[in-house]
C-alpha atoms as a PDB file:
ATOM      1  CA  UNK A   1      25.160  38.165  31.535  1.00  0.00           C
ATOM      2  CA  UNK A   2      21.694  36.622  31.177  1.00  0.00           C
ATOM      3  CA  UNK A   3      21.222  33.149  32.634  1.00  0.00           C
ATOM      4  CA  UNK A   4      18.661  30.340  32.305  1.00  0.00           C
ATOM      5  CA  UNK A   5      17.168  31.199  35.647  1.00  0.00           C
ATOM      6  CA  UNK A   6      15.706  27.951  36.916  1.00  0.00           C
ATOM      7  CA  UNK A   7      17.093  25.370  34.520  1.00  0.00           C
ATOM      8  CA  UNK A   8      19.103  23.431  37.047  1.00  0.00           C
ATOM      9  CA  UNK A   9      16.184  23.121  39.478  1.00  0.00           C
ATOM     10  CA  UNK A  10      13.418  22.254  37.041  1.00  0.00           C
ATOM     11  CA  UNK A  11      15.239  20.002  34.608  1.00  0.00           C
ATOM     12  CA  UNK A  12      14.302  16.838  36.486  1.00  0.00           C
ATOM     13  CA  UNK A  13      10.640  17.688  36.896  1.00  0.00           C
ATOM     14  CA  UNK A  14       9.688  19.866  33.956  1.00  0.00           C
ATOM     15  CA  UNK A  15       8.678  16.980  31.703  1.00  0.00           C
ATOM     16  CA  UNK A  16       6.492  15.479  34.413  1.00  0.00           C
ATOM     17  CA  UNK A  17       4.844  18.774  35.248  1.00  0.00           C
ATOM     18  CA  UNK A  18       4.249  19.852  31.679  1.00  0.00           C
ATOM     19  CA  UNK A  19       0.961  18.027  31.212  1.00  0.00           C
ATOM     20  CA  UNK A  20      -0.344  19.096  34.631  1.00  0.00           C
ATOM     21  CA  UNK A  21       0.357  22.790  34.180  1.00  0.00           C
ATOM     22  CA  UNK A  22      -0.696  23.254  30.611  1.00  0.00           C
ATOM     23  CA  UNK A  23      -4.354  23.688  31.553  1.00  0.00           C
ATOM     24  CA  UNK A  24      -3.597  26.894  33.509  1.00  0.00           C
ATOM     25  CA  UNK A  25      -3.120  29.188  30.566  1.00  0.00           C
ATOM     26  CA  UNK A  26      -6.567  30.692  30.012  1.00  0.00           C
ATOM     27  CA  UNK A  27      -6.808  31.677  26.357  1.00  0.00           C
ATOM     28  CA  UNK A  28      -3.278  30.412  25.755  1.00  0.00           C
ATOM     29  CA  UNK A  29      -2.981  26.692  25.096  1.00  0.00           C
ATOM     30  CA  UNK A  30      -0.287  24.054  25.316  1.00  0.00           C
ATOM     31  CA  UNK A  31      -0.936  21.579  22.580  1.00  0.00           C
ATOM     32  CA  UNK A  32      -0.077  17.983  23.413  1.00  0.00           C
ATOM     33  CA  UNK A  33       1.955  16.527  20.591  1.00  0.00           C
ATOM     34  CA  UNK A  34       3.988  14.172  22.759  1.00  0.00           C
ATOM     35  CA  UNK A  35       2.731  11.080  20.984  1.00  0.00           C
ATOM     36  CA  UNK A  36       2.681  12.562  17.484  1.00  0.00           C
ATOM     37  CA  UNK A  37       4.874  10.619  15.076  1.00  0.00           C
ATOM     38  CA  UNK A  38       6.291   8.672  18.022  1.00  0.00           C
ATOM     39  CA  UNK A  39       6.958   5.082  17.124  1.00  0.00           C
ATOM     40  CA  UNK A  40       9.252   2.336  18.283  1.00  0.00           C
ATOM     41  CA  UNK A  41      11.916   3.532  20.733  1.00  0.00           C
ATOM     42  CA  UNK A  42      12.002   7.145  19.575  1.00  0.00           C
ATOM     43  CA  UNK A  43      11.930   9.863  22.244  1.00  0.00           C
ATOM     44  CA  UNK A  44       8.632  11.782  22.424  1.00  0.00           C
ATOM     45  CA  UNK A  45       8.556  15.185  20.842  1.00  0.00           C
ATOM     46  CA  UNK A  46       8.335  18.272  23.040  1.00  0.00           C
ATOM     47  CA  UNK A  47       4.880  19.694  23.465  1.00  0.00           C
ATOM     48  CA  UNK A  48       4.157  22.849  21.511  1.00  0.00           C
ATOM     49  CA  UNK A  49       3.956  25.836  23.825  1.00  0.00           C
ATOM     50  CA  UNK A  50       1.898  28.827  22.699  1.00  0.00           C
ATOM     51  CA  UNK A  51       2.606  32.090  24.517  1.00  0.00           C
ATOM     52  CA  UNK A  52       0.812  35.407  24.284  1.00  0.00           C
ATOM     53  CA  UNK A  53       3.284  38.261  24.852  1.00  0.00           C
ATOM     54  CA  UNK A  54       1.715  41.563  25.837  1.00  0.00           C
ATOM     55  CA  UNK A  55       3.045  45.099  26.169  1.00  0.00           C
ATOM     56  CA  UNK A  56       1.555  48.590  26.408  1.00  0.00           C
ATOM     57  CA  UNK A  57       3.426  50.549  23.742  1.00  0.00           C
ATOM     58  CA  UNK A  58       2.786  51.242  20.063  1.00  0.00           C
ATOM     59  CA  UNK A  59       3.804  48.986  17.150  1.00  0.00           C
ATOM     60  CA  UNK A  60       6.640  51.378  16.250  1.00  0.00           C
ATOM     61  CA  UNK A  61       8.134  51.244  19.766  1.00  0.00           C
ATOM     62  CA  UNK A  62      11.280  49.450  20.901  1.00  0.00           C
ATOM     63  CA  UNK A  63       9.058  47.161  23.001  1.00  0.00           C
ATOM     64  CA  UNK A  64       7.318  45.898  19.892  1.00  0.00           C
ATOM     65  CA  UNK A  65      10.505  45.674  17.838  1.00  0.00           C
ATOM     66  CA  UNK A  66      12.065  43.539  20.545  1.00  0.00           C
ATOM     67  CA  UNK A  67       8.959  41.371  21.000  1.00  0.00           C
ATOM     68  CA  UNK A  68       8.523  40.563  17.305  1.00  0.00           C
ATOM     69  CA  UNK A  69      12.224  39.737  17.015  1.00  0.00           C
ATOM     70  CA  UNK A  70      11.904  37.408  20.011  1.00  0.00           C
ATOM     71  CA  UNK A  71       8.899  35.649  18.458  1.00  0.00           C
ATOM     72  CA  UNK A  72      10.826  35.081  15.247  1.00  0.00           C
ATOM     73  CA  UNK A  73      13.969  33.835  16.970  1.00  0.00           C
ATOM     74  CA  UNK A  74      12.322  31.497  19.472  1.00  0.00           C
ATOM     75  CA  UNK A  75      10.343  29.676  16.802  1.00  0.00           C
ATOM     76  CA  UNK A  76      13.590  29.022  14.972  1.00  0.00           C
ATOM     77  CA  UNK A  77      15.589  28.036  18.047  1.00  0.00           C
ATOM     78  CA  UNK A  78      12.865  25.740  19.424  1.00  0.00           C
ATOM     79  CA  UNK A  79      12.275  24.022  16.091  1.00  0.00           C
ATOM     80  CA  UNK A  80       8.747  25.361  16.089  1.00  0.00           C
ATOM     81  CA  UNK A  81       7.808  24.035  19.531  1.00  0.00           C
ATOM     82  CA  UNK A  82       7.455  27.536  21.025  1.00  0.00           C
ATOM     83  CA  UNK A  83       5.147  29.976  19.306  1.00  0.00           C
ATOM     84  CA  UNK A  84       4.866  33.543  20.574  1.00  0.00           C
ATOM     85  CA  UNK A  85       2.063  35.906  19.520  1.00  0.00           C
ATOM     86  CA  UNK A  86       2.634  39.586  20.291  1.00  0.00           C
ATOM     87  CA  UNK A  87      -0.137  41.891  21.504  1.00  0.00           C
ATOM     88  CA  UNK A  88       0.862  45.600  21.641  1.00  0.00           C
ATOM     89  CA  UNK A  89      -0.937  48.656  23.017  1.00  0.00           C
ATOM     90  CA  UNK A  90      -2.438  47.041  26.133  1.00  0.00           C
ATOM     91  CA  UNK A  91      -4.498  44.494  24.176  1.00  0.00           C
ATOM     92  CA  UNK A  92      -3.925  42.069  27.061  1.00  0.00           C
ATOM     93  CA  UNK A  93      -4.493  44.802  29.642  1.00  0.00           C
ATOM     94  CA  UNK A  94      -2.299  47.318  31.397  1.00  0.00           C
ATOM     95  CA  UNK A  95       0.992  46.330  32.967  1.00  0.00           C
ATOM     96  CA  UNK A  96      -0.459  45.678  36.426  1.00  0.00           C
ATOM     97  CA  UNK A  97      -3.142  43.421  34.964  1.00  0.00           C
ATOM     98  CA  UNK A  98      -0.602  41.554  32.820  1.00  0.00           C
ATOM     99  CA  UNK A  99       1.693  41.053  35.813  1.00  0.00           C
ATOM    100  CA  UNK A 100      -1.209  39.520  37.707  1.00  0.00           C
ATOM    101  CA  UNK A 101      -1.954  37.346  34.680  1.00  0.00           C
ATOM    102  CA  UNK A 102       1.629  36.127  34.481  1.00  0.00           C
ATOM    103  CA  UNK A 103       1.537  35.173  38.148  1.00  0.00           C
ATOM    104  CA  UNK A 104      -1.584  33.068  37.620  1.00  0.00           C
ATOM    105  CA  UNK A 105      -0.573  31.710  34.217  1.00  0.00           C
ATOM    106  CA  UNK A 106      -3.267  33.434  32.152  1.00  0.00           C
ATOM    107  CA  UNK A 107      -0.668  35.665  30.464  1.00  0.00           C
ATOM    108  CA  UNK A 108       2.351  33.873  29.077  1.00  0.00           C
ATOM    109  CA  UNK A 109       4.836  36.712  28.703  1.00  0.00           C
ATOM    110  CA  UNK A 110       5.025  40.463  28.937  1.00  0.00           C
ATOM    111  CA  UNK A 111       7.339  43.407  28.637  1.00  0.00           C
ATOM    112  CA  UNK A 112       6.845  45.757  31.543  1.00  0.00           C
ATOM    113  CA  UNK A 113       8.424  48.831  32.995  1.00  0.00           C
ATOM    114  CA  UNK A 114       9.860  48.279  36.454  1.00  0.00           C
ATOM    115  CA  UNK A 115       7.520  50.641  38.297  1.00  0.00           C
ATOM    116  CA  UNK A 116       4.330  48.489  38.055  1.00  0.00           C
ATOM    117  CA  UNK A 117       6.228  45.624  39.710  1.00  0.00           C
ATOM    118  CA  UNK A 118       6.928  47.540  42.918  1.00  0.00           C
ATOM    119  CA  UNK A 119       3.671  46.518  44.606  1.00  0.00           C
ATOM    120  CA  UNK A 120       4.616  42.870  44.052  1.00  0.00           C
ATOM    121  CA  UNK A 121       8.378  43.150  44.563  1.00  0.00           C
ATOM    122  CA  UNK A 122       8.995  46.188  46.797  1.00  0.00           C
ATOM    123  CA  UNK A 123      12.756  46.019  46.268  1.00  0.00           C
ATOM    124  CA  UNK A 124      12.130  47.220  42.704  1.00  0.00           C
ATOM    125  CA  UNK A 125      11.281  50.631  44.174  1.00  0.00           C
ATOM    126  CA  UNK A 126      15.023  51.273  44.266  1.00  0.00           C
ATOM    127  CA  UNK A 127      14.863  52.243  40.592  1.00  0.00           C
ATOM    128  CA  UNK A 128      12.428  55.045  41.416  1.00  0.00           C
ATOM    129  CA  UNK A 129      15.215  57.030  43.075  1.00  0.00           C
ATOM    130  CA  UNK A 130      15.971  60.250  41.170  1.00  0.00           C
ATOM    131  CA  UNK A 131      19.316  60.359  39.384  1.00  0.00           C
ATOM    132  CA  UNK A 132      20.172  56.790  40.359  1.00  0.00           C
ATOM    133  CA  UNK A 133      22.099  56.527  37.088  1.00  0.00           C
ATOM    134  CA  UNK A 134      24.094  59.026  35.057  1.00  0.00           C
ATOM    135  CA  UNK A 135      23.218  57.794  31.571  1.00  0.00           C
ATOM    136  CA  UNK A 136      21.309  55.197  29.597  1.00  0.00           C
ATOM    137  CA  UNK A 137      24.485  53.289  28.790  1.00  0.00           C
ATOM    138  CA  UNK A 138      25.570  53.207  32.434  1.00  0.00           C
ATOM    139  CA  UNK A 139      22.180  51.979  33.595  1.00  0.00           C
ATOM    140  CA  UNK A 140      22.025  49.267  30.942  1.00  0.00           C
ATOM    141  CA  UNK A 141      25.509  48.065  31.845  1.00  0.00           C
ATOM    142  CA  UNK A 142      24.618  47.783  35.530  1.00  0.00           C
ATOM    143  CA  UNK A 143      21.407  45.888  34.784  1.00  0.00           C
ATOM    144  CA  UNK A 144      23.200  43.527  32.403  1.00  0.00           C
ATOM    145  CA  UNK A 145      25.534  42.511  35.235  1.00  0.00           C
ATOM    146  CA  UNK A 146      25.206  40.835  38.658  1.00  0.00           C
ATOM    147  CA  UNK A 147      22.992  43.632  40.012  1.00  0.00           C
ATOM    148  CA  UNK A 148      20.415  43.065  37.288  1.00  0.00           C
ATOM    149  CA  UNK A 149      20.574  39.301  37.806  1.00  0.00           C
ATOM    150  CA  UNK A 150      19.937  39.784  41.532  1.00  0.00           C
ATOM    151  CA  UNK A 151      16.716  41.653  40.815  1.00  0.00           C
ATOM    152  CA  UNK A 152      15.603  39.058  38.254  1.00  0.00           C
ATOM    153  CA  UNK A 153      16.203  36.352  40.859  1.00  0.00           C
ATOM    154  CA  UNK A 154      13.569  38.002  43.066  1.00  0.00           C
ATOM    155  CA  UNK A 155      10.759  37.178  40.630  1.00  0.00           C
ATOM    156  CA  UNK A 156      10.268  33.368  40.773  1.00  0.00           C
ATOM    157  CA  UNK A 157       8.876  33.417  44.316  1.00  0.00           C
ATOM    158  CA  UNK A 158       6.177  35.734  42.952  1.00  0.00           C
ATOM    159  CA  UNK A 159       5.188  33.397  40.114  1.00  0.00           C
ATOM    160  CA  UNK A 160       7.315  34.995  37.389  1.00  0.00           C
ATOM    161  CA  UNK A 161      10.658  34.405  35.723  1.00  0.00           C
ATOM    162  CA  UNK A 162      12.681  37.376  34.523  1.00  0.00           C
ATOM    163  CA  UNK A 163      14.443  36.711  31.232  1.00  0.00           C
ATOM    164  CA  UNK A 164      16.362  39.977  30.983  1.00  0.00           C
ATOM    165  CA  UNK A 165      16.371  43.762  30.849  1.00  0.00           C
ATOM    166  CA  UNK A 166      15.398  45.897  27.905  1.00  0.00           C
ATOM    167  CA  UNK A 167      16.872  49.393  27.680  1.00  0.00           C
ATOM    168  CA  UNK A 168      16.151  51.827  30.471  1.00  0.00           C
ATOM    169  CA  UNK A 169      14.118  54.816  29.341  1.00  0.00           C
ATOM    170  CA  UNK A 170      15.420  58.284  30.151  1.00  0.00           C
ATOM    171  CA  UNK A 171      12.452  60.297  31.437  1.00  0.00           C
ATOM    172  CA  UNK A 172      12.533  64.072  31.063  1.00  0.00           C
ATOM    173  CA  UNK A 173       9.982  66.865  31.391  1.00  0.00           C
ATOM    174  CA  UNK A 174       8.144  68.360  28.422  1.00  0.00           C
ATOM    175  CA  UNK A 175       6.377  71.660  28.965  1.00  0.00           C
ATOM    176  CA  UNK A 176       5.275  75.033  27.669  1.00  0.00           C
ATOM    177  CA  UNK A 177       8.019  76.869  29.507  1.00  0.00           C
ATOM    178  CA  UNK A 178      11.744  76.116  29.556  1.00  0.00           C
ATOM    179  CA  UNK A 179      13.308  74.384  32.551  1.00  0.00           C
ATOM    180  CA  UNK A 180      16.903  75.533  32.611  1.00  0.00           C
ATOM    181  CA  UNK A 181      17.615  74.657  36.243  1.00  0.00           C
ATOM    182  CA  UNK A 182      15.971  73.408  39.415  1.00  0.00           C
ATOM    183  CA  UNK A 183      14.741  76.937  40.123  1.00  0.00           C
ATOM    184  CA  UNK A 184      12.381  76.697  37.152  1.00  0.00           C
ATOM    185  CA  UNK A 185      10.571  73.766  38.768  1.00  0.00           C
ATOM    186  CA  UNK A 186       9.161  75.890  41.609  1.00  0.00           C
ATOM    187  CA  UNK A 187       5.364  75.671  41.524  1.00  0.00           C
ATOM    188  CA  UNK A 188       5.484  73.641  38.300  1.00  0.00           C
ATOM    189  CA  UNK A 189       2.432  71.384  37.940  1.00  0.00           C
ATOM    190  CA  UNK A 190       3.810  68.146  36.538  1.00  0.00           C
ATOM    191  CA  UNK A 191       2.139  64.842  35.837  1.00  0.00           C
ATOM    192  CA  UNK A 192       4.357  61.940  36.934  1.00  0.00           C
ATOM    193  CA  UNK A 193       3.822  58.280  37.718  1.00  0.00           C
ATOM    194  CA  UNK A 194       2.265  57.718  41.127  1.00  0.00           C
ATOM    195  CA  UNK A 195       5.346  56.209  42.731  1.00  0.00           C
ATOM    196  CA  UNK A 196       6.836  57.604  45.952  1.00  0.00           C
ATOM    197  CA  UNK A 197      10.220  58.007  44.286  1.00  0.00           C
ATOM    198  CA  UNK A 198       8.738  60.089  41.477  1.00  0.00           C
ATOM    199  CA  UNK A 199       6.397  62.142  43.645  1.00  0.00           C
ATOM    200  CA  UNK A 200       8.957  62.937  46.346  1.00  0.00           C
ATOM    201  CA  UNK A 201      11.640  63.827  43.785  1.00  0.00           C
ATOM    202  CA  UNK A 202       9.454  66.446  42.166  1.00  0.00           C
ATOM    203  CA  UNK A 203       8.256  67.724  45.521  1.00  0.00           C
ATOM    204  CA  UNK A 204      11.901  68.211  46.494  1.00  0.00           C
ATOM    205  CA  UNK A 205      12.301  70.305  43.346  1.00  0.00           C
ATOM    206  CA  UNK A 206       9.450  72.521  44.501  1.00  0.00           C
ATOM    207  CA  UNK A 207       7.084  71.222  41.838  1.00  0.00           C
ATOM    208  CA  UNK A 208       3.493  70.094  42.285  1.00  0.00           C
ATOM    209  CA  UNK A 209       3.186  66.432  41.236  1.00  0.00           C
ATOM    210  CA  UNK A 210      -0.319  66.074  39.825  1.00  0.00           C
ATOM    211  CA  UNK A 211      -2.056  62.673  39.684  1.00  0.00           C
ATOM    212  CA  UNK A 212      -3.608  62.004  36.303  1.00  0.00           C
ATOM    213  CA  UNK A 213      -4.160  59.154  33.890  1.00  0.00           C
ATOM    214  CA  UNK A 214      -1.618  59.176  31.070  1.00  0.00           C
ATOM    215  CA  UNK A 215      -4.445  59.310  28.534  1.00  0.00           C
ATOM    216  CA  UNK A 216      -5.538  62.666  29.976  1.00  0.00           C
ATOM    217  CA  UNK A 217      -2.151  64.405  29.746  1.00  0.00           C
ATOM    218  CA  UNK A 218      -2.490  65.683  26.164  1.00  0.00           C
ATOM    219  CA  UNK A 219      -5.742  67.558  26.781  1.00  0.00           C
ATOM    220  CA  UNK A 220      -4.666  68.728  30.241  1.00  0.00           C
ATOM    221  CA  UNK A 221      -1.483  70.249  28.846  1.00  0.00           C
ATOM    222  CA  UNK A 222      -3.447  71.867  26.029  1.00  0.00           C
ATOM    223  CA  UNK A 223      -5.883  73.386  28.534  1.00  0.00           C
ATOM    224  CA  UNK A 224      -3.247  74.416  31.067  1.00  0.00           C
ATOM    225  CA  UNK A 225      -4.395  72.007  33.785  1.00  0.00           C
ATOM    226  CA  UNK A 226      -0.763  70.914  34.075  1.00  0.00           C
ATOM    227  CA  UNK A 227       2.414  72.673  33.008  1.00  0.00           C
ATOM    228  CA  UNK A 228       4.086  69.524  31.777  1.00  0.00           C
ATOM    229  CA  UNK A 229       4.767  65.834  32.275  1.00  0.00           C
ATOM    230  CA  UNK A 230       7.682  63.431  32.150  1.00  0.00           C
ATOM    231  CA  UNK A 231       8.360  60.810  29.521  1.00  0.00           C
ATOM    232  CA  UNK A 232      11.073  59.607  27.153  1.00  0.00           C
ATOM    233  CA  UNK A 233      11.716  61.309  23.778  1.00  0.00           C
ATOM    234  CA  UNK A 234      10.255  58.449  21.751  1.00  0.00           C
ATOM    235  CA  UNK A 235       6.971  58.524  23.669  1.00  0.00           C
ATOM    236  CA  UNK A 236       6.941  62.308  23.463  1.00  0.00           C
ATOM    237  CA  UNK A 237       6.885  62.054  19.682  1.00  0.00           C
ATOM    238  CA  UNK A 238       4.780  58.891  19.282  1.00  0.00           C
ATOM    239  CA  UNK A 239       2.035  60.213  21.536  1.00  0.00           C
ATOM    240  CA  UNK A 240       2.034  63.547  19.687  1.00  0.00           C
ATOM    241  CA  UNK A 241       2.910  65.749  22.647  1.00  0.00           C
ATOM    242  CA  UNK A 242       4.941  67.777  20.150  1.00  0.00           C
ATOM    243  CA  UNK A 243       1.606  69.300  19.161  1.00  0.00           C
ATOM    244  CA  UNK A 244       0.935  70.795  22.604  1.00  0.00           C
ATOM    245  CA  UNK A 245       4.438  71.409  23.995  1.00  0.00           C
ATOM    246  CA  UNK A 246       7.019  74.052  23.195  1.00  0.00           C
ATOM    247  CA  UNK A 247       9.908  72.546  25.149  1.00  0.00           C
ATOM    248  CA  UNK A 248      11.447  69.175  25.805  1.00  0.00           C
ATOM    249  CA  UNK A 249      13.750  69.670  28.782  1.00  0.00           C
ATOM    250  CA  UNK A 250      16.588  67.164  29.218  1.00  0.00           C
ATOM    251  CA  UNK A 251      16.016  66.850  32.968  1.00  0.00           C
ATOM    252  CA  UNK A 252      16.641  63.061  33.032  1.00  0.00           C
ATOM    253  CA  UNK A 253      15.310  62.796  36.575  1.00  0.00           C
ATOM    254  CA  UNK A 254      14.563  59.079  36.283  1.00  0.00           C
ATOM    255  CA  UNK A 255      15.858  56.148  34.268  1.00  0.00           C
ATOM    256  CA  UNK A 256      12.985  53.705  34.003  1.00  0.00           C
ATOM    257  CA  UNK A 257      14.070  50.076  33.451  1.00  0.00           C
ATOM    258  CA  UNK A 258      12.027  47.623  31.413  1.00  0.00           C
ATOM    259  CA  UNK A 259      12.215  43.853  31.510  1.00  0.00           C
ATOM    260  CA  UNK A 260      10.893  40.706  29.870  1.00  0.00           C
ATOM    261  CA  UNK A 261       8.915  38.389  32.128  1.00  0.00           C
ATOM    262  CA  UNK A 262       7.475  34.921  31.532  1.00  0.00           C
ATOM    263  CA  UNK A 263       4.885  33.209  33.694  1.00  0.00           C
ATOM    264  CA  UNK A 264       6.581  30.667  35.950  1.00  0.00           C
ATOM    265  CA  UNK A 265       3.758  28.242  35.251  1.00  0.00           C
ATOM    266  CA  UNK A 266       4.534  28.444  31.538  1.00  0.00           C
ATOM    267  CA  UNK A 267       8.280  28.268  32.155  1.00  0.00           C
ATOM    268  CA  UNK A 268       7.992  25.174  34.330  1.00  0.00           C
ATOM    269  CA  UNK A 269       5.887  23.471  31.647  1.00  0.00           C
ATOM    270  CA  UNK A 270       8.761  23.717  29.152  1.00  0.00           C
ATOM    271  CA  UNK A 271      11.482  21.168  28.605  1.00  0.00           C
ATOM    272  CA  UNK A 272      15.043  22.265  29.452  1.00  0.00           C
ATOM    273  CA  UNK A 273      15.738  22.596  25.718  1.00  0.00           C
ATOM    274  CA  UNK A 274      12.722  24.853  25.281  1.00  0.00           C
ATOM    275  CA  UNK A 275      13.781  26.980  28.240  1.00  0.00           C
ATOM    276  CA  UNK A 276      17.236  27.296  26.722  1.00  0.00           C
ATOM    277  CA  UNK A 277      15.780  28.286  23.348  1.00  0.00           C
ATOM    278  CA  UNK A 278      13.533  30.931  24.921  1.00  0.00           C
ATOM    279  CA  UNK A 279      16.367  32.405  26.980  1.00  0.00           C
ATOM    280  CA  UNK A 280      18.733  32.547  24.008  1.00  0.00           C
ATOM    281  CA  UNK A 281      16.084  34.104  21.782  1.00  0.00           C
ATOM    282  CA  UNK A 282      15.320  36.684  24.464  1.00  0.00           C
ATOM    283  CA  UNK A 283      18.993  37.577  24.901  1.00  0.00           C
ATOM    284  CA  UNK A 284      19.390  38.234  21.182  1.00  0.00           C
ATOM    285  CA  UNK A 285      16.113  40.132  20.953  1.00  0.00           C
ATOM    286  CA  UNK A 286      17.033  42.308  23.951  1.00  0.00           C
ATOM    287  CA  UNK A 287      20.277  43.361  22.281  1.00  0.00           C
ATOM    288  CA  UNK A 288      18.291  44.220  19.150  1.00  0.00           C
ATOM    289  CA  UNK A 289      15.750  46.168  21.214  1.00  0.00           C
ATOM    290  CA  UNK A 290      18.416  48.195  22.985  1.00  0.00           C
ATOM    291  CA  UNK A 291      19.950  49.249  19.685  1.00  0.00           C
ATOM    292  CA  UNK A 292      16.476  50.112  18.401  1.00  0.00           C
ATOM    293  CA  UNK A 293      15.776  52.301  21.434  1.00  0.00           C
ATOM    294  CA  UNK A 294      19.071  54.144  21.123  1.00  0.00           C
ATOM    295  CA  UNK A 295      18.360  54.925  17.489  1.00  0.00           C
ATOM    296  CA  UNK A 296      14.751  55.887  18.255  1.00  0.00           C
ATOM    297  CA  UNK A 297      15.905  58.167  21.100  1.00  0.00           C
ATOM    298  CA  UNK A 298      18.139  60.213  18.792  1.00  0.00           C
ATOM    299  CA  UNK A 299      15.640  60.229  15.936  1.00  0.00           C
ATOM    300  CA  UNK A 300      12.832  61.368  18.247  1.00  0.00           C
ATOM    301  CA  UNK A 301      14.799  64.365  19.503  1.00  0.00           C
ATOM    302  CA  UNK A 302      15.471  65.302  15.878  1.00  0.00           C
ATOM    303  CA  UNK A 303      11.781  64.929  14.982  1.00  0.00           C
ATOM    304  CA  UNK A 304      10.785  67.065  17.951  1.00  0.00           C
ATOM    305  CA  UNK A 305      13.098  69.820  16.726  1.00  0.00           C
ATOM    306  CA  UNK A 306      11.629  69.580  13.237  1.00  0.00           C
ATOM    307  CA  UNK A 307       8.163  70.008  14.787  1.00  0.00           C
ATOM    308  CA  UNK A 308       9.270  73.271  16.369  1.00  0.00           C
ATOM    309  CA  UNK A 309       9.983  72.001  19.882  1.00  0.00           C
ATOM    310  CA  UNK A 310      13.035  73.497  21.591  1.00  0.00           C
ATOM    311  CA  UNK A 311      15.338  70.953  23.243  1.00  0.00           C
ATOM    312  CA  UNK A 312      16.621  72.431  26.529  1.00  0.00           C
ATOM    313  CA  UNK A 313      19.782  71.115  28.185  1.00  0.00           C
ATOM    314  CA  UNK A 314      18.799  71.553  31.818  1.00  0.00           C
ATOM    315  CA  UNK A 315      21.462  72.166  34.483  1.00  0.00           C
ATOM    316  CA  UNK A 316      21.484  68.660  35.948  1.00  0.00           C
ATOM    317  CA  UNK A 317      23.749  69.482  38.871  1.00  0.00           C
ATOM    318  CA  UNK A 318      21.161  71.849  40.319  1.00  0.00           C
ATOM    319  CA  UNK A 319      18.495  69.156  39.859  1.00  0.00           C
ATOM    320  CA  UNK A 320      20.579  66.437  41.511  1.00  0.00           C
ATOM    321  CA  UNK A 321      21.442  68.664  44.458  1.00  0.00           C
ATOM    322  CA  UNK A 322      17.784  69.485  45.051  1.00  0.00           C
ATOM    323  CA  UNK A 323      16.662  65.845  44.990  1.00  0.00           C
ATOM    324  CA  UNK A 324      19.410  64.259  47.105  1.00  0.00           C
ATOM    325  CA  UNK A 325      17.606  64.860  50.441  1.00  0.00           C
ATOM    326  CA  UNK A 326      14.849  62.399  49.509  1.00  0.00           C
ATOM    327  CA  UNK A 327      17.253  59.447  49.321  1.00  0.00           C
ATOM    328  CA  UNK A 328      17.399  58.659  53.024  1.00  0.00           C
ATOM    329  CA  UNK A 329      13.627  58.661  53.418  1.00  0.00           C
ATOM    330  CA  UNK A 330      13.012  56.567  50.304  1.00  0.00           C
ATOM    331  CA  UNK A 331      15.712  53.999  51.080  1.00  0.00           C
ATOM    332  CA  UNK A 332      14.173  53.351  54.504  1.00  0.00           C
ATOM    333  CA  UNK A 333      10.939  52.323  52.805  1.00  0.00           C
ATOM    334  CA  UNK A 334      12.657  49.747  50.533  1.00  0.00           C
ATOM    335  CA  UNK A 335      13.529  46.284  51.912  1.00  0.00           C
ATOM    336  CA  UNK A 336      17.345  46.160  52.166  1.00  0.00           C
ATOM    337  CA  UNK A 337      17.255  49.536  50.437  1.00  0.00           C
ATOM    338  CA  UNK A 338      20.642  50.834  51.544  1.00  0.00           C
ATOM    339  CA  UNK A 339      22.425  47.580  50.732  1.00  0.00           C
ATOM    340  CA  UNK A 340      20.830  47.403  47.276  1.00  0.00           C
ATOM    341  CA  UNK A 341      21.675  51.048  46.646  1.00  0.00           C
ATOM    342  CA  UNK A 342      25.299  50.429  47.610  1.00  0.00           C
ATOM    343  CA  UNK A 343      25.486  47.511  45.166  1.00  0.00           C
ATOM    344  CA  UNK A 344      24.218  49.702  42.333  1.00  0.00           C
ATOM    345  CA  UNK A 345      26.717  52.424  43.205  1.00  0.00           C
ATOM    346  CA  UNK A 346      29.574  49.917  43.282  1.00  0.00           C
ATOM    347  CA  UNK A 347      28.594  48.563  39.862  1.00  0.00           C
ATOM    348  CA  UNK A 348      28.518  51.992  38.185  1.00  0.00           C
ATOM    349  CA  UNK A 349      31.491  52.971  36.045  1.00  0.00           C
END
């Protein structure tokens, strides 16, 4: 369902703009090879575009697996005229900083979770609603269809082009006490992302959402400053929370989408053929990344068990019932919130 987002509108001007825009890339460069080996009546070669692709996760994450696959594929598909260098673990900055860089052209590409985009595109706050989806597969299917395309189409006016959605990440609560139902969340001090949808959901459960940098969670859990935090199984294992947690509770309160974004300045500097090559490479890499995440999800739960962590199947119906009252309030704060919500509901199977 992915599309070349602006091909039809930029095809006529992209070649003319390429030379103008290539100076906007900061440490990334667009190397002018238009006249190289050009003789007689031959068409000029496409300029070589060099893109830095940043993300915040570890080299063994599905983000990195997807990114390295994309870099490999796009070099092949562009005949070497697009070169992508991948920078994991926030080497180009956190997601908010990279988003800002993409808007100004100093960062070529990034993989980002949806939540950091909400300050720029407030409609993206819709995905912060608790229990918006019923499963990873359902969420991925919705985002791979017209609903996902609609949200990607919101990005160009903000200086970015969305190339597609990576797998959503099922976020559940890890802790030192079991959470078998909503009743067990009463008074529970939980570190969550500072998004209204996350904070209000856990408040509705009777918990105490506690602001804290992610880097501080390990020590805070070890010292009892918080009772737990939410994350996906792969991050739970990769970040070694298995060492300081007795339980991983399948609460699945949120499904956090992730997407691949390219700077519009960089995109507009490409020829239509280069844009097509990048989109096709991204589509294939996204499919690879989704399979990688699914495998990593299952393997991480197994590794957590091996480390002595108990996997708790929380009563989700009690959790959903407790969080439903926050919907009306949250939807009012989202531009066209109710209409967007209805579209997601209609697309679910």
